[in-house]
């Protein structure tokens, strides 16, 4: 399966976000695990400064714009 992004794209995005985005906690829920029969991990992006779930995606996209 071919994806539109590769590891280098992810690495570059991480560099653009390094000094801007907060590191967000990854939490677990025993109840969610029990309900799904799997280990469920929640990346709490709602703890970003703006409470914005898609902050990383939006910032990464906007930071690639040029003045033109």
PDB file of N, CA and C in Angstrom:
ATOM      1  N   UNK A   1       0.851  -1.190   0.000  1.00  0.00           N
ATOM      2  CA  UNK A   1       0.000   0.000   0.000  1.00  0.00           C
ATOM      3  C   UNK A   1       0.884   1.236   0.000  1.00  0.00           C
ATOM      4  N   UNK A   2       0.589   2.188  -0.837  1.00  0.00           N
ATOM      5  CA  UNK A   2       1.361   3.418  -0.957  1.00  0.00           C
ATOM      6  C   UNK A   2       0.595   4.573  -0.319  1.00  0.00           C
ATOM      7  N   UNK A   3       1.257   5.322   0.537  1.00  0.00           N
ATOM      8  CA  UNK A   3       0.649   6.486   1.168  1.00  0.00           C
ATOM      9  C   UNK A   3       1.201   7.755   0.542  1.00  0.00           C
ATOM     10  N   UNK A   4       0.492   8.856   0.709  1.00  0.00           N
ATOM     11  CA  UNK A   4       0.908  10.125   0.142  1.00  0.00           C
ATOM     12  C   UNK A   4       2.035  10.792   0.915  1.00  0.00           C
ATOM     13  N   UNK A   5       2.367  10.264   2.084  1.00  0.00           N
ATOM     14  CA  UNK A   5       3.465  10.813   2.872  1.00  0.00           C
ATOM     15  C   UNK A   5       4.440   9.698   3.196  1.00  0.00           C
ATOM     16  N   UNK A   6       5.667  10.083   3.520  1.00  0.00           N
ATOM     17  CA  UNK A   6       6.654   9.089   3.927  1.00  0.00           C
ATOM     18  C   UNK A   6       7.324   9.567   5.217  1.00  0.00           C
ATOM     19  N   UNK A   7       8.286   8.793   5.694  1.00  0.00           N
ATOM     20  CA  UNK A   7       8.942   9.120   6.956  1.00  0.00           C
ATOM     21  C   UNK A   7       9.594  10.493   6.913  1.00  0.00           C
ATOM     22  N   UNK A   8      10.197  10.852   5.802  1.00  0.00           N
ATOM     23  CA  UNK A   8      10.845  12.149   5.686  1.00  0.00           C
ATOM     24  C   UNK A   8       9.839  13.287   5.862  1.00  0.00           C
ATOM     25  N   UNK A   9       8.638  13.129   5.314  1.00  0.00           N
ATOM     26  CA  UNK A   9       7.584  14.138   5.492  1.00  0.00           C
ATOM     27  C   UNK A   9       7.236  14.302   6.973  1.00  0.00           C
ATOM     28  N   UNK A  10       7.114  13.191   7.672  1.00  0.00           N
ATOM     29  CA  UNK A  10       6.783  13.220   9.108  1.00  0.00           C
ATOM     30  C   UNK A  10       7.917  13.874   9.887  1.00  0.00           C
ATOM     31  N   UNK A  11       9.148  13.539   9.550  1.00  0.00           N
ATOM     32  CA  UNK A  11      10.310  14.106  10.225  1.00  0.00           C
ATOM     33  C   UNK A  11      10.369  15.627  10.022  1.00  0.00           C
ATOM     34  N   UNK A  12      10.113  16.081   8.817  1.00  0.00           N
ATOM     35  CA  UNK A  12      10.111  17.521   8.542  1.00  0.00           C
ATOM     36  C   UNK A  12       8.992  18.228   9.298  1.00  0.00           C
ATOM     37  N   UNK A  13       7.821  17.629   9.347  1.00  0.00           N
ATOM     38  CA  UNK A  13       6.697  18.219  10.087  1.00  0.00           C
ATOM     39  C   UNK A  13       7.033  18.316  11.570  1.00  0.00           C
ATOM     40  N   UNK A  14       7.661  17.289  12.118  1.00  0.00           N
ATOM     41  CA  UNK A  14       8.058  17.319  13.533  1.00  0.00           C
ATOM     42  C   UNK A  14       9.020  18.470  13.786  1.00  0.00           C
ATOM     43  N   UNK A  15       9.919  18.720  12.854  1.00  0.00           N
ATOM     44  CA  UNK A  15      10.845  19.845  12.992  1.00  0.00           C
ATOM     45  C   UNK A  15      10.137  21.183  12.997  1.00  0.00           C
ATOM     46  N   UNK A  16       9.148  21.333  12.135  1.00  0.00           N
ATOM     47  CA  UNK A  16       8.392  22.594  12.087  1.00  0.00           C
ATOM     48  C   UNK A  16       7.595  22.815  13.374  1.00  0.00           C
ATOM     49  N   UNK A  17       7.157  21.746  14.012  1.00  0.00           N
ATOM     50  CA  UNK A  17       6.314  21.849  15.197  1.00  0.00           C
ATOM     51  C   UNK A  17       7.097  21.853  16.507  1.00  0.00           C
ATOM     52  N   UNK A  18       8.393  21.571  16.455  1.00  0.00           N
ATOM     53  CA  UNK A  18       9.190  21.349  17.664  1.00  0.00           C
ATOM     54  C   UNK A  18       9.079  22.469  18.692  1.00  0.00           C
ATOM     55  N   UNK A  19       9.146  23.709  18.272  1.00  0.00           N
ATOM     56  CA  UNK A  19       9.113  24.827  19.219  1.00  0.00           C
ATOM     57  C   UNK A  19       7.752  25.482  19.336  1.00  0.00           C
ATOM     58  N   UNK A  20       6.739  24.878  18.711  1.00  0.00           N
ATOM     59  CA  UNK A  20       5.422  25.501  18.677  1.00  0.00           C
ATOM     60  C   UNK A  20       4.378  24.675  19.438  1.00  0.00           C
ATOM     61  N   UNK A  21       4.312  23.407  19.135  1.00  0.00           N
ATOM     62  CA  UNK A  21       3.300  22.541  19.760  1.00  0.00           C
ATOM     63  C   UNK A  21       3.795  22.017  21.106  1.00  0.00           C
ATOM     64  N   UNK A  22       2.882  21.886  22.030  1.00  0.00           N
ATOM     65  CA  UNK A  22       3.207  21.281  23.320  1.00  0.00           C
ATOM     66  C   UNK A  22       3.235  19.768  23.164  1.00  0.00           C
ATOM     67  N   UNK A  23       4.052  19.107  23.964  1.00  0.00           N
ATOM     68  CA  UNK A  23       3.998  17.650  24.016  1.00  0.00           C
ATOM     69  C   UNK A  23       2.724  17.294  24.769  1.00  0.00           C
ATOM     70  N   UNK A  24       1.904  16.469  24.172  1.00  0.00           N
ATOM     71  CA  UNK A  24       0.619  16.131  24.781  1.00  0.00           C
ATOM     72  C   UNK A  24       0.667  14.738  25.377  1.00  0.00           C
ATOM     73  N   UNK A  25      -0.055  14.520  26.471  1.00  0.00           N
ATOM     74  CA  UNK A  25      -0.020  13.207  27.115  1.00  0.00           C
ATOM     75  C   UNK A  25      -0.779  12.156  26.304  1.00  0.00           C
ATOM     76  N   UNK A  26      -0.340  10.934  26.440  1.00  0.00           N
ATOM     77  CA  UNK A  26      -1.053   9.782  25.890  1.00  0.00           C
ATOM     78  C   UNK A  26      -1.594   9.028  27.094  1.00  0.00           C
ATOM     79  N   UNK A  27      -2.896   8.909  27.168  1.00  0.00           N
ATOM     80  CA  UNK A  27      -3.545   8.306  28.326  1.00  0.00           C
ATOM     81  C   UNK A  27      -4.215   6.992  27.951  1.00  0.00           C
ATOM     82  N   UNK A  28      -4.459   6.185  28.959  1.00  0.00           N
ATOM     83  CA  UNK A  28      -5.144   4.906  28.775  1.00  0.00           C
ATOM     84  C   UNK A  28      -6.425   4.925  29.582  1.00  0.00           C
ATOM     85  N   UNK A  29      -7.343   4.060  29.203  1.00  0.00           N
ATOM     86  CA  UNK A  29      -8.604   3.919  29.931  1.00  0.00           C
ATOM     87  C   UNK A  29      -8.911   2.433  30.068  1.00  0.00           C
ATOM     88  N   UNK A  30      -8.943   1.966  31.299  1.00  0.00           N
ATOM     89  CA  UNK A  30      -9.298   0.572  31.554  1.00  0.00           C
ATOM     90  C   UNK A  30     -10.693   0.253  31.046  1.00  0.00           C
ATOM     91  N   UNK A  31     -11.609   1.187  31.178  1.00  0.00           N
ATOM     92  CA  UNK A  31     -12.982   0.980  30.719  1.00  0.00           C
ATOM     93  C   UNK A  31     -13.030   0.863  29.195  1.00  0.00           C
ATOM     94  N   UNK A  32     -12.292   1.715  28.492  1.00  0.00           N
ATOM     95  CA  UNK A  32     -12.256   1.629  27.028  1.00  0.00           C
ATOM     96  C   UNK A  32     -11.615   0.314  26.586  1.00  0.00           C
ATOM     97  N   UNK A  33     -10.554  -0.098  27.284  1.00  0.00           N
ATOM     98  CA  UNK A  33      -9.922  -1.381  26.974  1.00  0.00           C
ATOM     99  C   UNK A  33     -10.917  -2.533  27.134  1.00  0.00           C
ATOM    100  N   UNK A  34     -11.653  -2.487  28.227  1.00  0.00           N
ATOM    101  CA  UNK A  34     -12.626  -3.545  28.506  1.00  0.00           C
ATOM    102  C   UNK A  34     -13.749  -3.568  27.465  1.00  0.00           C
ATOM    103  N   UNK A  35     -14.231  -2.412  27.080  1.00  0.00           N
ATOM    104  CA  UNK A  35     -15.327  -2.336  26.110  1.00  0.00           C
ATOM    105  C   UNK A  35     -14.894  -2.802  24.716  1.00  0.00           C
ATOM    106  N   UNK A  36     -13.640  -2.558  24.364  1.00  0.00           N
ATOM    107  CA  UNK A  36     -13.182  -2.884  23.014  1.00  0.00           C
ATOM    108  C   UNK A  36     -12.452  -4.216  22.935  1.00  0.00           C
ATOM    109  N   UNK A  37     -12.005  -4.717  24.075  1.00  0.00           N
ATOM    110  CA  UNK A  37     -11.209  -5.940  24.072  1.00  0.00           C
ATOM    111  C   UNK A  37      -9.812  -5.709  23.523  1.00  0.00           C
ATOM    112  N   UNK A  38      -9.354  -4.464  23.556  1.00  0.00           N
ATOM    113  CA  UNK A  38      -8.034  -4.101  23.047  1.00  0.00           C
ATOM    114  C   UNK A  38      -7.436  -3.026  23.946  1.00  0.00           C
ATOM    115  N   UNK A  39      -6.171  -2.728  23.746  1.00  0.00           N
ATOM    116  CA  UNK A  39      -5.556  -1.614  24.447  1.00  0.00           C
ATOM    117  C   UNK A  39      -5.830  -0.351  23.649  1.00  0.00           C
ATOM    118  N   UNK A  40      -6.460   0.629  24.292  1.00  0.00           N
ATOM    119  CA  UNK A  40      -6.831   1.872  23.626  1.00  0.00           C
ATOM    120  C   UNK A  40      -5.967   2.997  24.194  1.00  0.00           C
ATOM    121  N   UNK A  41      -5.365   3.767  23.307  1.00  0.00           N
ATOM    122  CA  UNK A  41      -4.520   4.885  23.704  1.00  0.00           C
ATOM    123  C   UNK A  41      -5.155   6.177  23.211  1.00  0.00           C
ATOM    124  N   UNK A  42      -5.197   7.185  24.076  1.00  0.00           N
ATOM    125  CA  UNK A  42      -5.776   8.484  23.733  1.00  0.00           C
ATOM    126  C   UNK A  42      -4.670   9.532  23.747  1.00  0.00           C
ATOM    127  N   UNK A  43      -4.408  10.160  22.598  1.00  0.00           N
ATOM    128  CA  UNK A  43      -3.465  11.263  22.553  1.00  0.00           C
ATOM    129  C   UNK A  43      -4.264  12.537  22.776  1.00  0.00           C
ATOM    130  N   UNK A  44      -4.033  13.179  23.875  1.00  0.00           N
ATOM    131  CA  UNK A  44      -4.890  14.276  24.336  1.00  0.00           C
ATOM    132  C   UNK A  44      -4.513  15.605  23.703  1.00  0.00           C
ATOM    133  N   UNK A  45      -4.787  15.734  22.418  1.00  0.00           N
ATOM    134  CA  UNK A  45      -4.480  16.964  21.687  1.00  0.00           C
ATOM    135  C   UNK A  45      -5.307  18.144  22.193  1.00  0.00           C
ATOM    136  N   UNK A  46      -6.383  17.882  22.909  1.00  0.00           N
ATOM    137  CA  UNK A  46      -7.196  18.968  23.451  1.00  0.00           C
ATOM    138  C   UNK A  46      -6.457  19.721  24.558  1.00  0.00           C
ATOM    139  N   UNK A  47      -5.267  19.256  24.944  1.00  0.00           N
ATOM    140  CA  UNK A  47      -4.489  19.989  25.934  1.00  0.00           C
ATOM    141  C   UNK A  47      -3.533  20.994  25.292  1.00  0.00           C
ATOM    142  N   UNK A  48      -3.572  21.135  23.965  1.00  0.00           N
ATOM    143  CA  UNK A  48      -2.782  22.174  23.307  1.00  0.00           C
ATOM    144  C   UNK A  48      -3.259  23.537  23.802  1.00  0.00           C
ATOM    145  N   UNK A  49      -2.423  24.533  23.677  1.00  0.00           N
ATOM    146  CA  UNK A  49      -2.751  25.871  24.194  1.00  0.00           C
ATOM    147  C   UNK A  49      -4.104  26.383  23.713  1.00  0.00           C
ATOM    148  N   UNK A  50      -4.455  26.077  22.497  1.00  0.00           N
ATOM    149  CA  UNK A  50      -5.712  26.570  21.923  1.00  0.00           C
ATOM    150  C   UNK A  50      -6.865  25.595  22.101  1.00  0.00           C
ATOM    151  N   UNK A  51      -6.652  24.496  22.802  1.00  0.00           N
ATOM    152  CA  UNK A  51      -7.650  23.423  22.915  1.00  0.00           C
ATOM    153  C   UNK A  51      -8.066  22.926  21.533  1.00  0.00           C
ATOM    154  N   UNK A  52      -7.142  23.009  20.577  1.00  0.00           N
ATOM    155  CA  UNK A  52      -7.459  22.650  19.198  1.00  0.00           C
ATOM    156  C   UNK A  52      -6.967  21.240  18.897  1.00  0.00           C
ATOM    157  N   UNK A  53      -7.880  20.375  18.566  1.00  0.00           N
ATOM    158  CA  UNK A  53      -7.538  18.994  18.273  1.00  0.00           C
ATOM    159  C   UNK A  53      -6.641  18.876  17.053  1.00  0.00           C
ATOM    160  N   UNK A  54      -6.867  19.687  16.029  1.00  0.00           N
ATOM    161  CA  UNK A  54      -6.108  19.581  14.783  1.00  0.00           C
ATOM    162  C   UNK A  54      -5.007  20.638  14.680  1.00  0.00           C
ATOM    163  N   UNK A  55      -4.542  21.142  15.797  1.00  0.00           N
ATOM    164  CA  UNK A  55      -3.530  22.197  15.791  1.00  0.00           C
ATOM    165  C   UNK A  55      -2.293  21.793  15.002  1.00  0.00           C
ATOM    166  N   UNK A  56      -1.777  20.584  15.218  1.00  0.00           N
ATOM    167  CA  UNK A  56      -0.549  20.155  14.542  1.00  0.00           C
ATOM    168  C   UNK A  56      -0.728  20.143  13.027  1.00  0.00           C
ATOM    169  N   UNK A  57      -1.852  19.630  12.584  1.00  0.00           N
ATOM    170  CA  UNK A  57      -2.118  19.554  11.141  1.00  0.00           C
ATOM    171  C   UNK A  57      -2.226  20.955  10.552  1.00  0.00           C
ATOM    172  N   UNK A  58      -3.000  21.811  11.197  1.00  0.00           N
ATOM    173  CA  UNK A  58      -3.209  23.163  10.686  1.00  0.00           C
ATOM    174  C   UNK A  58      -1.906  23.961  10.683  1.00  0.00           C
ATOM    175  N   UNK A  59      -1.160  23.913  11.780  1.00  0.00           N
ATOM    176  CA  UNK A  59       0.092  24.675  11.839  1.00  0.00           C
ATOM    177  C   UNK A  59       1.079  24.176  10.797  1.00  0.00           C
ATOM    178  N   UNK A  60       1.194  22.866  10.668  1.00  0.00           N
ATOM    179  CA  UNK A  60       2.116  22.319   9.680  1.00  0.00           C
ATOM    180  C   UNK A  60       1.756  22.777   8.269  1.00  0.00           C
ATOM    181  N   UNK A  61       0.479  22.763   7.934  1.00  0.00           N
ATOM    182  CA  UNK A  61       0.047  23.197   6.599  1.00  0.00           C
ATOM    183  C   UNK A  61       0.303  24.692   6.398  1.00  0.00           C
ATOM    184  N   UNK A  62      -0.067  25.513   7.366  1.00  0.00           N
ATOM    185  CA  UNK A  62       0.097  26.964   7.226  1.00  0.00           C
ATOM    186  C   UNK A  62       1.563  27.377   7.195  1.00  0.00           C
ATOM    187  N   UNK A  63       2.414  26.671   7.916  1.00  0.00           N
ATOM    188  CA  UNK A  63       3.824  27.051   7.966  1.00  0.00           C
ATOM    189  C   UNK A  63       4.543  26.787   6.648  1.00  0.00           C
ATOM    190  N   UNK A  64       3.928  26.036   5.761  1.00  0.00           N
ATOM    191  CA  UNK A  64       4.538  25.738   4.466  1.00  0.00           C
ATOM    192  C   UNK A  64       4.146  26.734   3.392  1.00  0.00           C
ATOM    193  N   UNK A  65       3.221  27.652   3.702  1.00  0.00           N
ATOM    194  CA  UNK A  65       2.849  28.677   2.732  1.00  0.00           C
ATOM    195  C   UNK A  65       4.014  29.642   2.496  1.00  0.00           C
ATOM    196  N   UNK A  66       4.089  30.156   1.293  1.00  0.00           N
ATOM    197  CA  UNK A  66       5.093  31.174   0.977  1.00  0.00           C
ATOM    198  C   UNK A  66       4.373  32.510   0.825  1.00  0.00           C
ATOM    199  N   UNK A  67       5.077  33.628   0.887  1.00  0.00           N
ATOM    200  CA  UNK A  67       4.427  34.929   0.709  1.00  0.00           C
ATOM    201  C   UNK A  67       3.694  35.033  -0.630  1.00  0.00           C
ATOM    202  N   UNK A  68       4.170  34.316  -1.628  1.00  0.00           N
ATOM    203  CA  UNK A  68       3.517  34.366  -2.945  1.00  0.00           C
ATOM    204  C   UNK A  68       2.187  33.680  -2.856  1.00  0.00           C
TER     205      UNK A  68
END
